[in-house]
Amino acid sequence: MNKNELISLAANKANMSKKTIEEVLTAILESIEESLAKGDKIQLVGFGTFEAKLRKAREGRNPKTGETIQIPATRVPVFKPGKSLKDTISANLHA
C-alpha cells in the first residue's frame, strides 16, 4: 500500500475528504520526524513506539574488494509494534 492508497482508505473510513486526510497525515509524519530528530520517543498505546537509537561504530567489509572499513556511529529510527498491533496481525495469519 502506498501513501495515496492509505489516504483513500482513511478518507473512506473517516468519511472525510482525501485532502483533509492528506494534510493530517503529512502533519503527523512531520511531527514524528521532528520528535525523533530531537531524541524524543513517541508511544502510541496499542499500536507501537517510535524512537531513535544509536547504532555503534563498527567494522565492516567492502564486498567488492574484501577490504576492512570503519562504519561510523549513527542514529537510526526504530519501530517496536505494540501488543494490539501484534495480536491483529497474528490473528489475520490464522484466519
Protein backbone atom coordinates (compact mmCIF):
# COMPACT_ATOMS: atom_id res chain seq x y z
CA MET A 1 0.00 0.00 0.00
CA ASN A 2 1.37 3.42 -0.86
CA LYS A 3 0.61 6.81 0.70
CA ASN A 4 -2.23 7.64 -1.73
CA GLU A 5 -3.92 4.29 -1.11
CA LEU A 6 -3.63 4.83 2.65
CA ILE A 7 -5.17 8.29 2.30
CA SER A 8 -8.07 6.89 0.27
CA LEU A 9 -8.70 4.12 2.80
CA ALA A 10 -8.62 6.53 5.75
CA ALA A 11 -10.87 9.04 3.94
CA ASN A 12 -13.48 6.32 3.37
CA LYS A 13 -13.30 5.06 6.97
CA ALA A 14 -13.49 8.56 8.49
CA ASN A 15 -16.00 9.87 5.91
CA MET A 16 -13.71 12.85 5.28
CA SER A 17 -12.13 14.36 2.18
CA LYS A 18 -8.87 12.97 0.84
CA LYS A 19 -7.36 16.45 1.00
CA THR A 20 -8.09 16.78 4.73
CA ILE A 21 -6.72 13.30 5.45
CA GLU A 22 -3.59 14.04 3.40
CA GLU A 23 -2.97 17.26 5.38
CA VAL A 24 -3.43 15.45 8.70
CA LEU A 25 -1.22 12.51 7.68
CA THR A 26 1.51 14.85 6.45
CA ALA A 27 1.37 16.82 9.71
CA ILE A 28 1.57 13.61 11.77
CA LEU A 29 4.54 12.24 9.81
CA GLU A 30 6.38 15.58 10.02
CA SER A 31 5.72 15.70 13.77
CA ILE A 32 7.10 12.18 14.21
CA GLU A 33 10.24 13.08 12.20
CA GLU A 34 10.83 16.26 14.22
CA SER A 35 10.32 14.48 17.54
CA LEU A 36 12.70 11.66 16.62
CA ALA A 37 15.31 14.18 15.42
CA LYS A 38 15.15 15.82 18.88
CA GLY A 39 15.61 12.44 20.56
CA ASP A 40 12.03 12.08 21.79
CA LYS A 41 10.18 8.77 21.95
CA ILE A 42 6.64 8.54 20.50
CA GLN A 43 4.38 5.96 22.17
CA LEU A 44 1.03 5.15 20.56
CA VAL A 45 -0.53 2.75 23.06
CA GLY A 46 -1.69 -0.43 21.36
CA PHE A 47 -0.01 0.49 18.05
CA GLY A 48 3.68 0.83 18.88
CA THR A 49 6.64 3.01 19.77
CA PHE A 50 8.89 5.06 17.53
CA GLU A 51 12.32 6.09 18.79
CA ALA A 52 15.80 6.96 17.58
CA LYS A 53 18.58 4.66 18.74
CA LEU A 54 22.33 4.95 18.47
CA ARG A 55 23.98 2.37 16.25
CA LYS A 56 27.59 2.00 17.43
CA ALA A 57 30.57 2.43 15.13
CA ARG A 58 31.66 -0.90 13.74
CA GLU A 59 33.98 -2.60 11.35
CA GLY A 60 32.65 -3.77 8.00
CA ARG A 61 33.94 -5.13 4.73
CA ASN A 62 33.77 -3.76 1.24
CA PRO A 63 32.06 -6.66 -0.59
CA LYS A 64 33.85 -5.84 -3.84
CA THR A 65 37.42 -5.76 -2.51
CA GLY A 66 37.12 -7.52 0.85
CA GLU A 67 38.89 -4.52 2.40
CA THR A 68 38.04 -3.72 6.04
CA ILE A 69 36.33 -0.36 6.50
CA GLN A 70 35.16 1.62 9.53
CA ILE A 71 31.43 2.31 9.63
CA PRO A 72 30.75 5.40 11.79
CA ALA A 73 28.20 5.56 14.60
CA THR A 74 24.79 6.88 13.56
CA ARG A 75 21.29 7.37 14.93
CA VAL A 76 18.59 5.29 13.27
CA PRO A 77 14.79 5.29 13.60
CA VAL A 78 13.32 2.18 15.24
CA PHE A 79 9.70 1.00 15.49
CA LYS A 80 8.55 -1.53 18.08
CA PRO A 81 4.99 -2.78 17.49
CA GLY A 82 2.53 -2.78 20.38
CA LYS A 83 0.58 -5.78 21.66
CA SER A 84 -2.68 -4.86 19.92
CA LEU A 85 -0.94 -4.50 16.54
CA LYS A 86 0.91 -7.80 17.01
CA ASP A 87 -2.32 -9.56 18.01
CA THR A 88 -4.22 -8.17 15.00
CA ILE A 89 -1.53 -9.28 12.57
CA SER A 90 -1.20 -12.68 14.21
CA ALA A 91 -5.00 -13.21 14.16
CA ASN A 92 -5.12 -12.49 10.42
CA LEU A 93 -2.38 -15.07 9.85
CA HIS A 94 -4.58 -17.83 11.23
CA ALA A 95 -7.81 -16.69 9.55
